[in-house]
N, C-alpha and C. Protein backbone atom coordinates (compact mmCIF):
# COMPACT_ATOMS: atom_id res chain seq x y z
N MET A 1 85.78 118.06 122.90
CA MET A 1 86.31 116.84 122.35
C MET A 1 87.61 116.50 123.08
N THR A 2 87.70 115.33 123.59
CA THR A 2 88.89 114.95 124.35
C THR A 2 89.90 114.32 123.42
N ARG A 3 91.13 114.58 123.71
CA ARG A 3 92.22 114.01 122.93
C ARG A 3 92.56 112.63 123.48
N PRO A 4 92.92 111.71 122.61
CA PRO A 4 93.33 110.40 123.12
C PRO A 4 94.66 110.53 123.86
N GLU A 5 94.78 109.73 124.87
CA GLU A 5 96.02 109.75 125.64
C GLU A 5 97.14 109.17 124.80
N PRO A 6 98.33 109.77 124.89
CA PRO A 6 99.44 109.22 124.11
C PRO A 6 99.79 107.82 124.61
N LYS A 7 100.16 106.98 123.68
CA LYS A 7 100.52 105.61 124.05
C LYS A 7 101.88 105.63 124.72
N SER A 8 101.98 104.86 125.77
CA SER A 8 103.26 104.77 126.44
C SER A 8 104.20 103.92 125.60
N ARG A 9 105.47 104.13 125.79
CA ARG A 9 106.47 103.38 125.04
C ARG A 9 106.36 101.89 125.33
N ASP A 10 106.07 101.55 126.58
CA ASP A 10 105.94 100.14 126.94
C ASP A 10 104.78 99.47 126.22
N SER A 11 103.64 100.18 126.14
CA SER A 11 102.48 99.57 125.48
C SER A 11 102.72 99.45 123.98
N THR A 12 103.41 100.42 123.39
CA THR A 12 103.72 100.35 121.96
C THR A 12 104.67 99.21 121.66
N GLU A 13 105.67 99.05 122.51
CA GLU A 13 106.61 97.94 122.31
C GLU A 13 105.93 96.60 122.52
N ALA A 14 105.04 96.53 123.50
CA ALA A 14 104.30 95.29 123.75
C ALA A 14 103.42 94.97 122.55
N TRP A 15 102.78 96.01 121.98
CA TRP A 15 101.94 95.79 120.81
C TRP A 15 102.77 95.32 119.62
N SER A 16 103.96 95.87 119.45
CA SER A 16 104.85 95.44 118.36
C SER A 16 105.22 93.97 118.51
N VAL A 17 105.45 93.57 119.74
CA VAL A 17 105.77 92.16 120.00
C VAL A 17 104.58 91.28 119.67
N GLU A 18 103.36 91.73 120.01
CA GLU A 18 102.16 90.95 119.71
C GLU A 18 101.94 90.83 118.20
N VAL A 19 102.13 91.93 117.49
CA VAL A 19 101.95 91.90 116.03
C VAL A 19 103.00 90.99 115.39
N ALA A 20 104.22 91.05 115.88
CA ALA A 20 105.27 90.17 115.36
C ALA A 20 104.92 88.70 115.60
N ALA A 21 104.37 88.42 116.77
CA ALA A 21 103.96 87.04 117.07
C ALA A 21 102.81 86.61 116.15
N LEU A 22 101.88 87.52 115.92
CA LEU A 22 100.78 87.20 115.00
C LEU A 22 101.30 86.97 113.59
N TYR A 23 102.27 87.76 113.17
CA TYR A 23 102.84 87.59 111.84
C TYR A 23 103.51 86.22 111.71
N ARG A 24 104.27 85.84 112.73
CA ARG A 24 104.92 84.52 112.69
C ARG A 24 103.89 83.40 112.67
N THR A 25 102.80 83.59 113.39
CA THR A 25 101.78 82.54 113.48
C THR A 25 100.88 82.50 112.25
N TYR A 26 100.41 83.66 111.80
CA TYR A 26 99.39 83.71 110.76
C TYR A 26 99.84 84.34 109.44
N GLY A 27 101.09 84.75 109.34
CA GLY A 27 101.55 85.41 108.12
C GLY A 27 101.37 84.57 106.87
N SER A 28 101.77 83.31 106.93
CA SER A 28 101.63 82.44 105.75
C SER A 28 100.16 82.15 105.46
N TRP A 29 99.33 82.07 106.51
CA TRP A 29 97.90 81.84 106.30
C TRP A 29 97.26 83.02 105.58
N VAL A 30 97.59 84.25 106.00
CA VAL A 30 97.03 85.44 105.37
C VAL A 30 97.49 85.51 103.91
N THR A 31 98.75 85.21 103.65
CA THR A 31 99.26 85.23 102.28
C THR A 31 98.54 84.19 101.42
N ALA A 32 98.35 83.00 101.94
CA ALA A 32 97.63 81.96 101.18
C ALA A 32 96.16 82.35 100.98
N PHE A 33 95.56 82.94 101.99
CA PHE A 33 94.17 83.41 101.91
C PHE A 33 94.01 84.41 100.77
N LEU A 34 94.94 85.33 100.65
CA LEU A 34 94.89 86.35 99.60
C LEU A 34 95.34 85.80 98.25
N ALA A 35 96.28 84.85 98.26
CA ALA A 35 96.81 84.29 97.01
C ALA A 35 95.73 83.54 96.23
N ARG A 36 94.79 82.93 96.92
CA ARG A 36 93.71 82.23 96.23
C ARG A 36 92.87 83.18 95.40
N ARG A 37 92.83 84.43 95.80
CA ARG A 37 91.99 85.41 95.10
C ARG A 37 92.78 86.31 94.15
N PHE A 38 94.04 86.63 94.49
CA PHE A 38 94.77 87.66 93.75
C PHE A 38 96.11 87.21 93.18
N GLY A 39 96.50 85.99 93.38
CA GLY A 39 97.81 85.53 92.91
C GLY A 39 98.88 85.76 93.97
N ARG A 40 99.95 85.02 93.85
CA ARG A 40 100.99 85.02 94.90
C ARG A 40 101.69 86.37 95.06
N GLU A 41 102.06 86.99 93.96
CA GLU A 41 102.83 88.23 94.04
C GLU A 41 102.01 89.34 94.71
N ALA A 42 100.79 89.53 94.26
CA ALA A 42 99.93 90.57 94.86
C ALA A 42 99.60 90.21 96.31
N ALA A 43 99.43 88.92 96.58
CA ALA A 43 99.08 88.49 97.93
C ALA A 43 100.17 88.82 98.94
N GLU A 44 101.42 88.70 98.55
CA GLU A 44 102.51 89.03 99.47
C GLU A 44 102.48 90.51 99.85
N ASP A 45 102.25 91.37 98.86
CA ASP A 45 102.16 92.81 99.15
C ASP A 45 100.94 93.12 100.01
N LEU A 46 99.82 92.49 99.69
CA LEU A 46 98.59 92.73 100.45
C LEU A 46 98.70 92.21 101.88
N ALA A 47 99.36 91.08 102.06
CA ALA A 47 99.56 90.54 103.42
C ALA A 47 100.44 91.48 104.23
N GLN A 48 101.47 92.01 103.62
CA GLN A 48 102.34 92.96 104.32
C GLN A 48 101.53 94.19 104.74
N GLU A 49 100.71 94.71 103.83
CA GLU A 49 99.87 95.87 104.16
C GLU A 49 98.87 95.53 105.26
N THR A 50 98.39 94.30 105.28
CA THR A 50 97.46 93.86 106.33
C THR A 50 98.10 93.99 107.70
N PHE A 51 99.31 93.50 107.83
CA PHE A 51 99.98 93.56 109.13
C PHE A 51 100.42 94.99 109.48
N LEU A 52 100.71 95.80 108.47
CA LEU A 52 101.03 97.21 108.75
C LEU A 52 99.81 97.93 109.31
N ARG A 53 98.64 97.66 108.73
CA ARG A 53 97.42 98.28 109.25
C ARG A 53 97.11 97.79 110.65
N LEU A 54 97.35 96.53 110.90
CA LEU A 54 97.13 95.99 112.24
C LEU A 54 98.07 96.65 113.24
N ALA A 55 99.30 96.89 112.84
CA ALA A 55 100.29 97.48 113.74
C ALA A 55 100.00 98.94 114.06
N ARG A 56 99.29 99.63 113.17
CA ARG A 56 99.01 101.06 113.40
C ARG A 56 98.04 101.30 114.54
N ARG A 57 97.14 100.37 114.76
CA ARG A 57 96.11 100.57 115.77
C ARG A 57 96.07 99.39 116.72
N GLN A 58 96.16 99.68 117.98
CA GLN A 58 96.06 98.61 118.96
C GLN A 58 94.61 98.16 119.04
N THR A 59 94.41 96.89 118.88
CA THR A 59 93.07 96.33 118.85
C THR A 59 93.01 95.13 119.79
N ASP A 60 91.92 95.05 120.51
CA ASP A 60 91.69 93.87 121.34
C ASP A 60 90.86 92.90 120.51
N TRP A 61 91.31 91.69 120.36
CA TRP A 61 90.58 90.73 119.54
C TRP A 61 90.39 89.43 120.30
N ARG A 62 89.38 88.72 119.85
CA ARG A 62 89.11 87.40 120.42
C ARG A 62 89.50 86.31 119.44
N ARG A 63 89.25 86.58 118.15
CA ARG A 63 89.58 85.61 117.10
C ARG A 63 90.54 86.27 116.11
N PRO A 64 91.83 86.04 116.26
CA PRO A 64 92.80 86.74 115.40
C PRO A 64 92.64 86.43 113.91
N LYS A 65 92.24 85.20 113.56
CA LYS A 65 92.09 84.86 112.16
C LYS A 65 90.98 85.67 111.50
N SER A 66 89.88 85.82 112.20
CA SER A 66 88.77 86.57 111.61
C SER A 66 89.14 88.06 111.50
N LEU A 67 89.86 88.59 112.48
CA LEU A 67 90.31 89.99 112.41
C LEU A 67 91.27 90.17 111.23
N LEU A 68 92.22 89.27 111.09
CA LEU A 68 93.18 89.37 109.99
C LEU A 68 92.48 89.20 108.63
N ALA A 69 91.51 88.31 108.56
CA ALA A 69 90.78 88.12 107.31
C ALA A 69 90.01 89.39 106.94
N ARG A 70 89.39 90.03 107.91
CA ARG A 70 88.63 91.27 107.65
C ARG A 70 89.57 92.39 107.18
N ILE A 71 90.71 92.54 107.88
CA ILE A 71 91.67 93.57 107.48
C ILE A 71 92.21 93.27 106.09
N ALA A 72 92.52 92.00 105.82
CA ALA A 72 93.05 91.60 104.52
C ALA A 72 92.05 91.87 103.41
N LEU A 73 90.77 91.61 103.65
CA LEU A 73 89.76 91.87 102.63
C LEU A 73 89.59 93.37 102.40
N ASN A 74 89.69 94.17 103.46
CA ASN A 74 89.63 95.62 103.29
C ASN A 74 90.82 96.13 102.49
N VAL A 75 92.00 95.61 102.78
CA VAL A 75 93.20 95.98 102.03
C VAL A 75 93.04 95.58 100.56
N ALA A 76 92.51 94.39 100.32
CA ALA A 76 92.31 93.91 98.95
C ALA A 76 91.30 94.78 98.21
N GLN A 77 90.25 95.21 98.90
CA GLN A 77 89.26 96.07 98.28
C GLN A 77 89.89 97.41 97.87
N ASP A 78 90.72 97.97 98.74
CA ASP A 78 91.44 99.20 98.40
C ASP A 78 92.36 98.98 97.19
N TYR A 79 93.02 97.83 97.16
CA TYR A 79 93.90 97.48 96.05
C TYR A 79 93.12 97.43 94.74
N LEU A 80 91.94 96.79 94.75
CA LEU A 80 91.13 96.70 93.54
C LEU A 80 90.64 98.08 93.09
N ARG A 81 90.29 98.93 94.05
CA ARG A 81 89.87 100.29 93.70
C ARG A 81 91.00 101.04 93.00
N ARG A 82 92.22 100.92 93.55
CA ARG A 82 93.36 101.59 92.92
C ARG A 82 93.62 101.04 91.52
N GLU A 83 93.53 99.72 91.35
CA GLU A 83 93.75 99.11 90.04
C GLU A 83 92.72 99.60 89.04
N ASN A 84 91.46 99.67 89.44
CA ASN A 84 90.41 100.14 88.54
C ASN A 84 90.59 101.61 88.21
N ALA A 85 91.01 102.40 89.17
CA ALA A 85 91.22 103.83 88.92
C ALA A 85 92.36 104.05 87.94
N GLN A 86 93.38 103.22 87.99
CA GLN A 86 94.51 103.37 87.08
C GLN A 86 94.13 102.96 85.66
N ARG A 87 93.19 102.02 85.52
CA ARG A 87 92.77 101.58 84.20
C ARG A 87 91.73 102.52 83.58
N ARG A 88 91.06 103.31 84.39
CA ARG A 88 90.01 104.20 83.91
C ARG A 88 90.61 105.28 83.03
N PRO A 89 90.03 105.51 81.85
CA PRO A 89 90.58 106.58 80.99
C PRO A 89 90.36 107.94 81.63
N ARG A 90 91.32 108.81 81.45
CA ARG A 90 91.24 110.15 82.02
C ARG A 90 90.90 111.14 80.92
N LEU A 91 90.08 112.12 81.25
CA LEU A 91 89.74 113.16 80.30
C LEU A 91 90.85 114.20 80.28
N VAL A 92 91.20 114.66 79.11
CA VAL A 92 92.22 115.69 78.98
C VAL A 92 91.49 117.02 78.87
N THR A 93 91.72 117.88 79.83
CA THR A 93 91.03 119.17 79.85
C THR A 93 91.91 120.30 79.37
N GLY A 94 93.16 120.04 79.10
CA GLY A 94 94.06 121.09 78.66
C GLY A 94 94.78 121.76 79.81
N ARG A 95 94.35 121.52 81.02
CA ARG A 95 94.99 122.15 82.18
C ARG A 95 96.14 121.31 82.72
N GLU A 96 96.13 120.02 82.41
CA GLU A 96 97.18 119.13 82.92
C GLU A 96 98.47 119.35 82.15
N ASN A 97 99.55 119.12 82.82
CA ASN A 97 100.86 119.18 82.18
C ASN A 97 101.11 117.82 81.55
N VAL A 98 101.05 117.74 80.26
CA VAL A 98 101.19 116.48 79.56
C VAL A 98 102.65 116.34 79.15
N GLU A 99 103.40 115.57 79.91
CA GLU A 99 104.82 115.41 79.64
C GLU A 99 105.09 114.40 78.55
N ALA A 100 104.17 113.45 78.33
CA ALA A 100 104.40 112.39 77.36
C ALA A 100 104.13 112.85 75.93
N TRP A 101 103.59 114.04 75.75
CA TRP A 101 103.27 114.54 74.42
C TRP A 101 104.54 114.97 73.71
N SER A 102 104.61 114.63 72.45
CA SER A 102 105.73 115.11 71.63
C SER A 102 105.17 115.61 70.31
N PRO A 103 105.82 116.59 69.71
CA PRO A 103 105.30 117.13 68.45
C PRO A 103 105.35 116.05 67.37
N PRO A 104 104.46 116.13 66.39
CA PRO A 104 104.45 115.11 65.34
C PRO A 104 105.73 115.18 64.51
N ASP A 105 106.14 114.04 64.00
CA ASP A 105 107.31 114.05 63.14
C ASP A 105 106.91 114.57 61.75
N GLN A 106 107.86 114.70 60.84
CA GLN A 106 107.59 115.30 59.53
C GLN A 106 106.57 114.51 58.72
N ASP A 107 106.68 113.19 58.77
CA ASP A 107 105.74 112.37 58.00
C ASP A 107 104.31 112.55 58.51
N GLU A 108 104.15 112.57 59.82
CA GLU A 108 102.83 112.72 60.39
C GLU A 108 102.27 114.11 60.10
N ALA A 109 103.08 115.14 60.19
CA ALA A 109 102.64 116.50 59.88
C ALA A 109 102.23 116.62 58.41
N LEU A 110 102.99 116.00 57.51
CA LEU A 110 102.65 116.01 56.09
C LEU A 110 101.33 115.29 55.84
N PHE A 111 101.14 114.15 56.50
CA PHE A 111 99.90 113.39 56.35
C PHE A 111 98.70 114.24 56.80
N HIS A 112 98.85 114.94 57.94
CA HIS A 112 97.75 115.78 58.43
C HIS A 112 97.44 116.90 57.43
N ARG A 113 98.46 117.50 56.86
CA ARG A 113 98.23 118.57 55.87
C ARG A 113 97.50 118.03 54.64
N GLU A 114 97.87 116.82 54.21
CA GLU A 114 97.21 116.21 53.06
C GLU A 114 95.74 115.91 53.36
N VAL A 115 95.47 115.44 54.56
CA VAL A 115 94.09 115.16 54.95
C VAL A 115 93.28 116.43 54.98
N VAL A 116 93.83 117.50 55.53
CA VAL A 116 93.13 118.78 55.58
C VAL A 116 92.90 119.31 54.18
N ALA A 117 93.87 119.12 53.28
CA ALA A 117 93.72 119.60 51.91
C ALA A 117 92.60 118.88 51.18
N LEU A 118 92.32 117.64 51.55
CA LEU A 118 91.26 116.87 50.90
C LEU A 118 89.87 117.21 51.45
N LEU A 119 89.80 117.91 52.54
CA LEU A 119 88.51 118.27 53.13
C LEU A 119 87.82 119.34 52.28
N PRO A 120 86.49 119.40 52.35
CA PRO A 120 85.80 120.48 51.65
C PRO A 120 86.30 121.83 52.16
N ALA A 121 86.19 122.84 51.36
CA ALA A 121 86.74 124.17 51.68
C ALA A 121 86.16 124.73 52.98
N THR A 122 84.91 124.46 53.30
CA THR A 122 84.32 125.00 54.52
C THR A 122 84.94 124.37 55.75
N CYS A 123 85.29 123.12 55.67
CA CYS A 123 85.92 122.44 56.81
C CYS A 123 87.39 122.77 56.91
N ALA A 124 88.04 122.91 55.80
CA ALA A 124 89.48 123.15 55.77
C ALA A 124 89.85 124.43 56.46
N THR A 125 89.01 125.45 56.38
CA THR A 125 89.34 126.73 57.04
C THR A 125 89.35 126.59 58.55
N TYR A 126 88.54 125.71 59.08
CA TYR A 126 88.52 125.50 60.53
C TYR A 126 89.68 124.65 61.02
N MET A 127 90.20 123.79 60.15
CA MET A 127 91.23 122.84 60.54
C MET A 127 92.64 123.41 60.42
N SER A 128 92.83 124.46 59.66
CA SER A 128 94.19 124.95 59.48
C SER A 128 94.52 126.09 60.39
């Protein structure tokens, strides 16, 4: 397996200049393209991520708008996956460190004891 040749400083700087020129030319277009689907605030973050991804890899393109649209849609898809994953309920297995847990206050502990006391005797032995 051959290793890729390291990028020369000149080519990296030239690529940075090209990406900056693309940002000046198409930055507002990419933001508007994403804003129609995700709202202005999310679109600004997604547009920034689009140009960061473009800057990471030197790419030869013929149609910059179509390339930027494809990268923007990929970034948006990743964004939606993250949003859905954050909304998904997580199972508590007992192995996680639950920092948000706090012991019940006195009223809650008293209520639980009263509920257990009202249970049939066979159930109450398991609950206490």
